[in-house]
Amino acid sequence: MASSKTRRMDPIVGVVTTGIYCLEGVCGGRPKLSNVRRFTNAVAAEAAGLRACHLCRPYRREPMSTWVGTELICRAVRVILDGALHGGTEEDLARALGVSARHLRRRFLEEVGTTPVQLARSSRAHFARRLLDDTDLSITEIAFAAGFGSVRQFNRTMREIFRETPRELRARRRKADRLAADGGLALRLPVTREVPADVFLALLGEQAIPGVESVQADVYRRTIEVEGAPGVLEIAPGDGSHMVARLHLPHWEGLIHLVRRARRIFRLDDHAHDGSGDSVCGDAAPDLPGTWDPFEVGVRSILLRTGHDPTEGLAALVGSFGEEVPGLEPWGLGRLFPPPARIATEEIRLLHGADAALLRRWAAAMDAADRARLDRQSLVRLGRAGGFPRWLTDDVAARLP
C-alpha cells in the first residue's frame, strides 16, 4: 500500500474475494468491508493481483494522472510515463534522478505501492487496452504502438494484467467506444481535471508557428517528425471526459510516446497542489498551454527578447530551413520546424553577433538533450551548464511539466 502521506485523489477499491478493482463510487456493488482493500492508484491494485472492472473500466483513465506525492517520486512517475524504462533500467532511471536504485525502489513502494517497472508495464498495457477499444488497429500494430518489444510479450502482459488475451478484450468493446476517423487515427486523451481548452486554443492560435501550427474551428494542428518522416497531429475538445487526438503518421510503432507528448500541449497530466507541502507535482492552475517541443519555445523567446517580431522570425526560419510537407495547405500547414542540429550550424541572417551565437548555442544544447522528456528540473541543470540567461530558461520552463 502507498504511504499515508500521499493524498488519495482518485481512490481505487479492490475486492479480494472477486479479484477485481474499481473506481470508488462508480460501480454499485456492496462488498463486505473485510474483503475490501483501498489503493491510491490502479497500478498498485494490479501489483496486488487484482484486475480492472469491466463495468467502470479504470484503465480508460490515464495512469497516475491525478496522483500527487513527493518531488522525487513525482519526477520518477513523470519520466517513467514518458518512456524512461522503455529500453532503460531502474538503475539508469535512479542515476538520472540522483539516487540509488535501491532507494528509488523503496520510496516507490512506499508512496506508489508498486515498483517503477510495474508502473511502466501497466502504463503500456492500459494504453494498449484503450487502443483495442478506440481503434481498428491490428493486434500486432497495437503491440508496437504501445511500446512492447514483441507480440508475444504483449499477449503475456495483457493476460497477466487483464486476465484475457488482446482478442478477447477487443471483443468486449462497446459500440460507442470505436472512434470513426476520416483519415488518420483517432484516439481519446483522458481528462481528469478541468482543462481550459478554449483559452489554450486561443493562445495556441495567437502564437502559432507559420506553416508548422494552426488552429481552425477549435482544432489545433501541427506538423511533427517521426523518425525522419513527416506526420500531422490534431487535437480537439471532446465530451468533457476526454479530448480527441487524430494522428496522421508514417507508422504506428512507438505511438504511446507521441501521445504522451500530445497530452503535454493541453497540460492533461499537470497535477494539483494540495497545499500541504508534501504534494509538489505540477501546477495548481497553469495559465499557459504546454508545448510539443521546448526547442521551439526557446527560439521564440530568443527572437522576442532580442527585439524581433517572433512570428515573422519563426516564419523566416521555417521558410529557410524547415522541410516542406506538401498537401497540407487547407490546414494552414506546409513545413516541419527546423531541427536543432541545422539551426546550430547554419548562418542565421535574421540575428547577428551575440544574439545569433545564443540561438546557435541553444540549438546545440537542445540537439544534445532528450527534448521529449525535458522537464523543469532538467532544464534548470541544462541552463546552468550551458550558461544560458535566466529569462530563456524561465520562458521555456513555463511551458514544461
Protein backbone atom coordinates (compact mmCIF):
# COMPACT_ATOMS: atom_id res chain seq x y z
CA MET A 1 0.00 0.00 0.00
CA ALA A 2 1.09 3.56 -0.61
CA SER A 3 2.20 5.88 2.16
CA SER A 4 -0.44 7.75 4.13
CA LYS A 5 1.39 10.95 3.22
CA THR A 6 0.17 10.54 -0.36
CA ARG A 7 -3.24 12.04 -0.96
CA ARG A 8 -5.89 9.73 -2.42
CA MET A 9 -7.18 11.84 -5.30
CA ASP A 10 -8.57 9.03 -7.46
CA PRO A 11 -9.14 6.18 -4.98
CA ILE A 12 -9.33 2.59 -6.15
CA VAL A 13 -11.28 -0.07 -4.30
CA GLY A 14 -10.25 -3.71 -4.62
CA VAL A 15 -12.32 -6.70 -3.53
CA VAL A 16 -10.09 -9.64 -2.59
CA THR A 17 -12.85 -12.26 -2.94
CA THR A 18 -13.59 -11.35 -6.58
CA GLY A 19 -10.06 -10.25 -7.53
CA ILE A 20 -11.44 -7.07 -9.12
CA TYR A 21 -10.67 -3.39 -8.57
CA CYS A 22 -12.98 -0.45 -9.36
CA LEU A 23 -13.11 3.31 -9.25
CA GLU A 24 -14.62 4.13 -5.87
CA GLY A 25 -18.24 5.22 -6.01
CA VAL A 26 -18.78 4.27 -9.66
CA CYS A 27 -19.90 0.65 -9.51
CA GLY A 28 -22.93 -0.28 -7.40
CA GLY A 29 -21.61 -3.38 -5.61
CA ARG A 30 -21.61 -3.53 -1.79
CA PRO A 31 -18.87 -5.98 -0.77
CA LYS A 32 -18.17 -6.81 2.87
CA LEU A 33 -15.76 -4.26 4.32
CA SER A 34 -13.49 -7.06 5.50
CA ASN A 35 -12.97 -8.05 1.84
CA VAL A 36 -12.16 -4.52 0.64
CA ARG A 37 -8.69 -3.04 0.14
CA ARG A 38 -8.08 0.57 -0.84
CA PHE A 39 -5.35 1.70 -3.20
CA THR A 40 -4.12 5.13 -4.30
CA ASN A 41 -3.88 4.09 -7.94
CA ALA A 42 -4.77 1.33 -10.39
CA VAL A 43 -1.18 0.17 -10.84
CA ALA A 44 -0.86 -0.66 -7.15
CA ALA A 45 -4.08 -2.68 -7.34
CA GLU A 46 -2.69 -4.63 -10.29
CA ALA A 47 0.56 -5.24 -8.42
CA ALA A 48 -1.57 -6.79 -5.67
CA GLY A 49 -3.01 -9.26 -8.18
CA LEU A 50 -6.34 -7.59 -8.97
CA ARG A 51 -7.75 -6.94 -12.45
CA ALA A 52 -9.71 -3.94 -13.74
CA CYS A 53 -13.51 -4.00 -13.55
CA HIS A 54 -15.24 -4.48 -16.92
CA LEU A 55 -18.03 -2.05 -15.94
CA CYS A 56 -16.31 1.12 -14.68
CA ARG A 57 -13.16 0.39 -16.73
CA PRO A 58 -10.47 2.19 -14.69
CA TYR A 59 -7.96 1.64 -17.50
CA ARG A 60 -9.68 4.35 -19.54
CA ARG A 61 -8.14 6.95 -17.23
CA GLU A 62 -4.51 7.88 -17.69
CA PRO A 63 -2.40 6.02 -15.10
CA MET A 64 -1.33 8.26 -12.21
CA SER A 65 -2.82 11.36 -13.86
CA THR A 66 -4.24 12.67 -10.57
CA TRP A 67 -1.68 11.22 -8.19
CA VAL A 68 0.44 13.55 -6.06
CA GLY A 69 3.43 12.94 -3.82
CA THR A 70 6.99 13.97 -3.03
CA GLU A 71 9.26 15.66 -5.57
CA LEU A 72 11.46 12.62 -6.21
CA ILE A 73 8.58 10.26 -6.94
CA CYS A 74 6.68 12.90 -8.94
CA ARG A 75 9.68 13.22 -11.26
CA ALA A 76 10.14 9.47 -11.40
CA VAL A 77 6.49 8.87 -12.30
CA ARG A 78 6.61 11.53 -15.00
CA VAL A 79 9.72 10.24 -16.75
CA ILE A 80 8.54 6.62 -16.49
CA LEU A 81 5.26 7.52 -18.18
CA ASP A 82 7.28 9.42 -20.79
CA GLY A 83 9.11 6.17 -21.59
CA ALA A 84 12.27 6.18 -19.46
CA LEU A 85 12.01 2.42 -18.87
CA HIS A 86 11.14 1.51 -22.45
CA GLY A 87 14.61 0.18 -23.14
CA GLY A 88 16.19 1.56 -19.95
CA THR A 89 16.61 0.03 -16.49
CA GLU A 90 15.69 1.06 -12.96
CA GLU A 91 19.41 1.67 -12.37
CA ASP A 92 19.52 4.10 -15.32
CA LEU A 93 16.42 5.87 -14.02
CA ALA A 94 17.77 6.18 -10.47
CA ARG A 95 21.10 7.51 -11.74
CA ALA A 96 19.29 10.20 -13.77
CA LEU A 97 17.33 11.18 -10.64
CA GLY A 98 20.45 11.31 -8.49
CA VAL A 99 19.62 8.44 -6.13
CA SER A 100 20.44 4.75 -5.82
CA ALA A 101 18.21 2.15 -7.46
CA ARG A 102 17.55 0.59 -4.05
CA HIS A 103 16.45 3.92 -2.57
CA LEU A 104 14.21 4.69 -5.57
CA ARG A 105 12.56 1.29 -5.46
CA ARG A 106 11.95 1.53 -1.70
CA ARG A 107 10.46 5.03 -1.93
CA PHE A 108 8.36 3.98 -4.91
CA LEU A 109 6.88 1.05 -3.00
CA GLU A 110 6.18 3.30 0.00
CA GLU A 111 4.49 6.10 -1.94
CA VAL A 112 3.01 4.47 -5.03
CA GLY A 113 2.50 0.89 -3.84
CA THR A 114 4.32 -0.64 -6.80
CA THR A 115 7.75 -0.67 -8.47
CA PRO A 116 8.95 1.55 -11.33
CA VAL A 117 9.00 -1.43 -13.71
CA GLN A 118 5.44 -2.37 -12.79
CA LEU A 119 4.28 1.20 -13.46
CA ALA A 120 5.92 1.18 -16.89
CA ARG A 121 4.36 -2.18 -17.75
CA SER A 122 0.87 -1.13 -16.61
CA SER A 123 1.17 2.16 -18.50
CA ARG A 124 1.84 0.29 -21.75
CA ALA A 125 -0.96 -2.21 -21.04
CA HIS A 126 -3.55 0.50 -20.26
CA PHE A 127 -2.62 2.42 -23.41
CA ALA A 128 -2.94 -0.78 -25.46
CA ARG A 129 -6.32 -1.53 -23.88
CA ARG A 130 -7.60 1.89 -24.94
CA LEU A 131 -6.33 1.28 -28.48
CA LEU A 132 -8.26 -2.00 -28.51
CA ASP A 133 -11.40 -0.04 -27.62
CA ASP A 134 -10.93 3.11 -29.68
CA THR A 135 -9.32 1.91 -32.91
CA ASP A 136 -9.34 -0.82 -35.54
CA LEU A 137 -5.57 -1.26 -35.45
CA SER A 138 -4.49 -4.88 -35.65
CA ILE A 139 -3.19 -6.72 -32.58
CA THR A 140 0.34 -6.55 -33.99
CA GLU A 141 0.08 -2.81 -34.69
CA ILE A 142 -1.21 -2.17 -31.17
CA ALA A 143 1.61 -4.18 -29.60
CA PHE A 144 4.30 -2.00 -31.16
CA ALA A 145 2.26 1.21 -30.87
CA ALA A 146 2.13 0.67 -27.09
CA GLY A 147 5.87 0.08 -26.82
CA PHE A 148 6.00 -3.69 -26.44
CA GLY A 149 9.04 -5.47 -27.84
CA SER A 150 7.06 -8.32 -29.42
CA VAL A 151 3.52 -9.59 -29.88
CA ARG A 152 4.35 -12.48 -27.56
CA GLN A 153 5.35 -10.07 -24.78
CA PHE A 154 2.20 -8.04 -25.45
CA ASN A 155 -0.08 -11.08 -25.19
CA ARG A 156 1.61 -12.24 -21.98
CA THR A 157 1.37 -8.84 -20.29
CA MET A 158 -2.29 -8.34 -21.22
CA ARG A 159 -3.19 -11.76 -19.85
CA GLU A 160 -1.31 -11.01 -16.62
CA ILE A 161 -2.92 -7.61 -16.08
CA PHE A 162 -6.40 -8.03 -17.59
CA ARG A 163 -6.72 -11.86 -17.37
CA GLU A 164 -7.69 -12.11 -21.03
CA THR A 165 -5.96 -12.06 -24.41
CA PRO A 166 -6.00 -8.92 -26.57
CA ARG A 167 -8.53 -10.54 -28.93
CA GLU A 168 -10.84 -11.37 -26.01
CA LEU A 169 -10.50 -7.84 -24.68
CA ARG A 170 -11.33 -6.31 -28.07
CA ALA A 171 -14.45 -8.45 -28.23
CA ARG A 172 -15.60 -6.68 -25.04
CA ARG A 173 -15.52 -3.18 -26.51
CA ARG A 174 -18.80 -1.31 -26.69
CA LYS A 175 -20.34 0.11 -29.83
CA ALA A 176 -19.75 3.69 -28.69
CA ASP A 177 -16.07 3.04 -27.96
CA ARG A 178 -14.78 2.95 -31.53
CA LEU A 179 -13.87 6.39 -32.87
CA ALA A 180 -14.62 6.75 -36.56
CA ALA A 181 -11.86 8.59 -38.41
CA ASP A 182 -11.96 10.14 -41.87
CA GLY A 183 -8.26 9.64 -42.40
CA GLY A 184 -5.74 9.32 -39.62
CA LEU A 185 -6.11 7.51 -36.32
CA ALA A 186 -8.49 8.97 -33.72
CA LEU A 187 -7.76 8.42 -30.01
CA ARG A 188 -9.28 9.61 -26.76
CA LEU A 189 -7.00 11.59 -24.45
CA PRO A 190 -8.49 11.03 -20.97
CA VAL A 191 -9.07 14.21 -18.94
CA THR A 192 -9.19 14.04 -15.15
CA ARG A 193 -9.24 17.76 -14.35
CA GLU A 194 -10.89 20.85 -15.80
CA VAL A 195 -8.84 21.90 -18.82
CA PRO A 196 -9.33 25.44 -20.21
CA ALA A 197 -9.33 24.15 -23.79
CA ASP A 198 -10.89 27.29 -25.27
CA VAL A 199 -8.29 29.51 -23.59
CA PHE A 200 -5.42 27.28 -24.68
CA LEU A 201 -6.75 27.07 -28.25
CA ALA A 202 -6.90 30.88 -28.43
CA LEU A 203 -3.32 31.22 -27.14
CA LEU A 204 -2.04 28.48 -29.44
CA GLY A 205 -3.72 30.22 -32.36
CA GLU A 206 -2.17 33.60 -31.49
CA GLN A 207 1.33 32.11 -31.17
CA ALA A 208 1.09 29.53 -33.97
CA ILE A 209 4.35 29.00 -35.87
CA PRO A 210 3.52 29.81 -39.51
CA GLY A 211 3.43 26.67 -41.63
CA VAL A 212 4.01 24.40 -38.61
CA GLU A 213 0.98 25.07 -36.40
CA SER A 214 -2.59 26.26 -36.92
CA VAL A 215 -5.90 26.50 -35.09
CA GLN A 216 -9.05 26.25 -37.18
CA ALA A 217 -12.60 25.68 -35.92
CA ASP A 218 -11.38 24.71 -32.43
CA VAL A 219 -8.90 22.16 -33.76
CA TYR A 220 -5.19 22.52 -33.05
CA ARG A 221 -2.95 21.05 -35.75
CA ARG A 222 0.79 20.82 -36.24
CA THR A 223 3.34 19.00 -38.31
CA ILE A 224 5.58 16.57 -36.46
CA GLU A 225 8.61 14.49 -37.38
CA VAL A 226 8.56 10.74 -36.69
CA GLU A 227 11.94 9.10 -37.20
CA GLY A 228 12.79 11.36 -40.12
CA ALA A 229 9.36 11.25 -41.78
CA PRO A 230 6.63 13.92 -41.55
CA GLY A 231 3.29 13.48 -39.81
CA VAL A 232 0.40 15.62 -38.59
CA LEU A 233 -1.15 15.85 -35.13
CA GLU A 234 -4.66 17.19 -34.50
CA ILE A 235 -6.21 17.82 -31.06
CA ALA A 236 -9.78 18.93 -30.41
CA PRO A 237 -12.09 19.11 -27.36
CA GLY A 238 -14.15 16.02 -26.62
CA ASP A 239 -17.12 15.49 -24.31
CA GLY A 240 -15.52 16.76 -21.10
CA SER A 241 -14.14 13.39 -20.02
CA HIS A 242 -11.58 13.43 -22.81
CA MET A 243 -10.05 15.36 -25.68
CA VAL A 244 -9.62 13.76 -29.09
CA ALA A 245 -6.33 13.38 -30.90
CA ARG A 246 -6.16 12.43 -34.56
CA LEU A 247 -2.76 11.39 -35.87
CA HIS A 248 -1.55 11.04 -39.44
CA LEU A 249 1.71 9.11 -39.18
CA PRO A 250 4.04 7.08 -41.41
CA HIS A 251 3.72 4.12 -38.99
CA TRP A 252 2.25 3.36 -35.55
CA GLU A 253 5.31 1.99 -33.77
CA GLY A 254 6.03 3.95 -30.59
CA LEU A 255 2.66 5.72 -30.71
CA ILE A 256 2.49 5.73 -26.90
CA HIS A 257 5.41 8.20 -26.73
CA LEU A 258 3.82 10.56 -29.26
CA VAL A 259 0.53 10.54 -27.36
CA ARG A 260 2.36 11.42 -24.14
CA ARG A 261 3.87 14.43 -25.87
CA ALA A 262 0.47 15.38 -27.32
CA ARG A 263 -1.01 15.37 -23.81
CA ARG A 264 1.57 17.95 -22.76
CA ILE A 265 0.23 20.56 -25.18
CA PHE A 266 -3.05 20.88 -23.23
CA ARG A 267 -1.40 20.04 -19.88
CA LEU A 268 -3.55 16.96 -19.39
CA ASP A 269 -1.06 15.48 -16.92
CA ASP A 270 -0.47 18.50 -14.70
CA HIS A 271 -1.39 17.69 -11.12
CA ALA A 272 -2.89 19.98 -8.49
CA HIS A 273 -1.08 21.10 -5.35
CA ASP A 274 -2.78 20.07 -2.12
CA GLY A 275 -1.18 22.87 -0.08
CA SER A 276 0.36 20.51 2.45
CA GLY A 277 3.96 20.80 1.35
CA ASP A 278 4.15 17.08 0.57
CA SER A 279 2.43 17.42 -2.78
CA VAL A 280 4.66 19.06 -5.32
CA CYS A 281 3.52 17.59 -8.65
CA GLY A 282 2.74 20.09 -11.39
CA ASP A 283 0.88 23.38 -11.23
CA ALA A 284 -2.33 24.36 -9.48
CA ALA A 285 -3.72 26.34 -12.42
CA PRO A 286 -1.29 26.72 -15.32
CA ASP A 287 -2.26 29.71 -17.43
CA LEU A 288 -0.24 28.74 -20.49
CA PRO A 289 -0.58 25.71 -22.77
CA GLY A 290 2.32 23.29 -22.81
CA THR A 291 4.44 22.52 -25.83
CA TRP A 292 5.28 19.72 -28.23
CA ASP A 293 8.94 20.76 -28.35
CA PRO A 294 10.73 23.05 -25.86
CA PHE A 295 13.28 23.94 -28.55
CA GLU A 296 10.62 25.93 -30.41
CA VAL A 297 9.65 27.82 -27.24
CA GLY A 298 13.26 28.82 -26.68
CA VAL A 299 13.66 30.05 -30.26
CA ARG A 300 10.54 32.20 -29.90
CA SER A 301 11.83 33.59 -26.61
CA ILE A 302 15.22 34.50 -28.09
CA LEU A 303 13.59 36.30 -31.01
CA LEU A 304 11.23 38.21 -28.72
CA ARG A 305 13.86 39.15 -26.14
CA THR A 306 16.31 40.36 -28.81
CA GLY A 307 13.80 42.80 -30.28
CA HIS A 308 12.50 40.76 -33.23
CA ASP A 309 8.90 40.01 -34.11
CA PRO A 310 8.69 36.33 -33.11
CA THR A 311 6.03 35.40 -35.67
CA GLU A 312 7.97 36.94 -38.55
CA GLY A 313 11.23 35.49 -37.27
CA LEU A 314 9.82 31.98 -36.89
CA ALA A 315 8.26 32.21 -40.35
CA ALA A 316 11.64 33.15 -41.79
CA LEU A 317 13.44 30.29 -40.02
CA VAL A 318 10.80 27.75 -41.05
CA GLY A 319 10.76 29.02 -44.63
CA SER A 320 14.54 28.86 -44.93
CA PHE A 321 15.38 25.68 -43.04
CA GLY A 322 12.20 23.67 -42.46
CA GLU A 323 11.47 20.62 -44.61
CA GLU A 324 8.49 21.12 -46.93
CA VAL A 325 5.44 18.90 -46.39
CA PRO A 326 3.13 19.20 -49.43
CA GLY A 327 -0.64 18.80 -49.48
CA LEU A 328 -1.43 20.44 -46.13
CA GLU A 329 -2.31 23.94 -47.36
CA PRO A 330 -6.04 23.66 -46.41
CA TRP A 331 -4.95 23.27 -42.79
CA GLY A 332 -2.54 26.20 -42.94
CA LEU A 333 0.43 23.84 -42.68
CA GLY A 334 3.30 23.12 -45.04
CA ARG A 335 6.66 22.61 -43.27
CA LEU A 336 8.37 20.88 -40.37
CA PHE A 337 10.10 23.02 -37.77
CA PRO A 338 13.87 23.04 -38.47
CA PRO A 339 15.74 20.53 -36.30
CA PRO A 340 18.14 21.96 -33.70
CA ALA A 341 21.15 20.41 -35.44
CA ARG A 342 20.51 22.54 -38.52
CA ILE A 343 19.94 25.79 -36.65
CA ALA A 344 23.14 25.16 -34.69
CA THR A 345 25.26 25.05 -37.84
CA GLU A 346 23.53 27.36 -40.34
CA GLU A 347 24.20 31.06 -40.79
CA ILE A 348 21.12 32.77 -39.35
CA ARG A 349 20.97 36.11 -41.14
CA LEU A 350 17.98 37.16 -39.06
CA LEU A 351 20.24 37.58 -36.00
CA HIS A 352 23.73 38.96 -35.57
CA GLY A 353 26.58 38.86 -33.08
CA ALA A 354 25.74 37.70 -29.58
CA ASP A 355 22.08 37.09 -30.46
CA ALA A 356 22.98 34.69 -33.26
CA ALA A 357 25.53 32.98 -31.02
CA LEU A 358 22.91 32.49 -28.30
CA LEU A 359 20.48 30.92 -30.77
CA ARG A 360 23.15 28.53 -32.07
CA ARG A 361 24.17 27.55 -28.51
CA TRP A 362 20.54 26.93 -27.60
CA ALA A 363 20.09 24.79 -30.70
CA ALA A 364 23.22 22.77 -29.93
CA ALA A 365 22.08 22.18 -26.34
CA MET A 366 18.63 21.08 -27.48
CA ASP A 367 20.13 18.80 -30.09
CA ALA A 368 22.06 17.00 -27.35
CA ALA A 369 19.12 16.88 -24.91
CA ASP A 370 16.23 14.40 -24.77
CA ARG A 371 13.66 17.07 -25.57
CA ALA A 372 10.67 14.72 -25.39
CA ARG A 373 11.38 14.11 -21.69
CA LEU A 374 12.74 17.50 -20.70
CA ASP A 375 11.10 18.85 -17.54
CA ARG A 376 11.72 21.90 -15.39
CA GLN A 377 14.34 20.33 -13.16
CA SER A 378 16.44 19.02 -16.03
CA LEU A 379 16.04 22.36 -17.82
CA VAL A 380 17.49 24.17 -14.79
CA ARG A 381 20.54 21.91 -14.87
CA LEU A 382 20.89 22.40 -18.62
CA GLY A 383 20.62 26.17 -18.23
CA ARG A 384 23.33 26.30 -15.59
CA ALA A 385 25.67 24.01 -17.50
CA GLY A 386 25.21 25.99 -20.72
CA GLY A 387 25.35 29.44 -19.14
CA PHE A 388 22.00 30.44 -20.66
CA PRO A 389 20.27 33.64 -19.45
CA ARG A 390 17.67 33.14 -16.75
CA TRP A 391 14.93 34.67 -18.87
CA LEU A 392 15.41 31.98 -21.51
CA THR A 393 15.10 29.04 -19.14
CA ASP A 394 12.20 30.74 -17.29
CA ASP A 395 10.28 31.23 -20.55
CA VAL A 396 10.77 27.61 -21.55
CA ALA A 397 10.06 26.27 -18.06
CA ALA A 398 6.65 27.96 -18.09
CA ARG A 399 5.62 25.56 -20.87
CA LEU A 400 7.09 22.39 -19.36
CA PRO A 401 5.58 19.92 -16.86
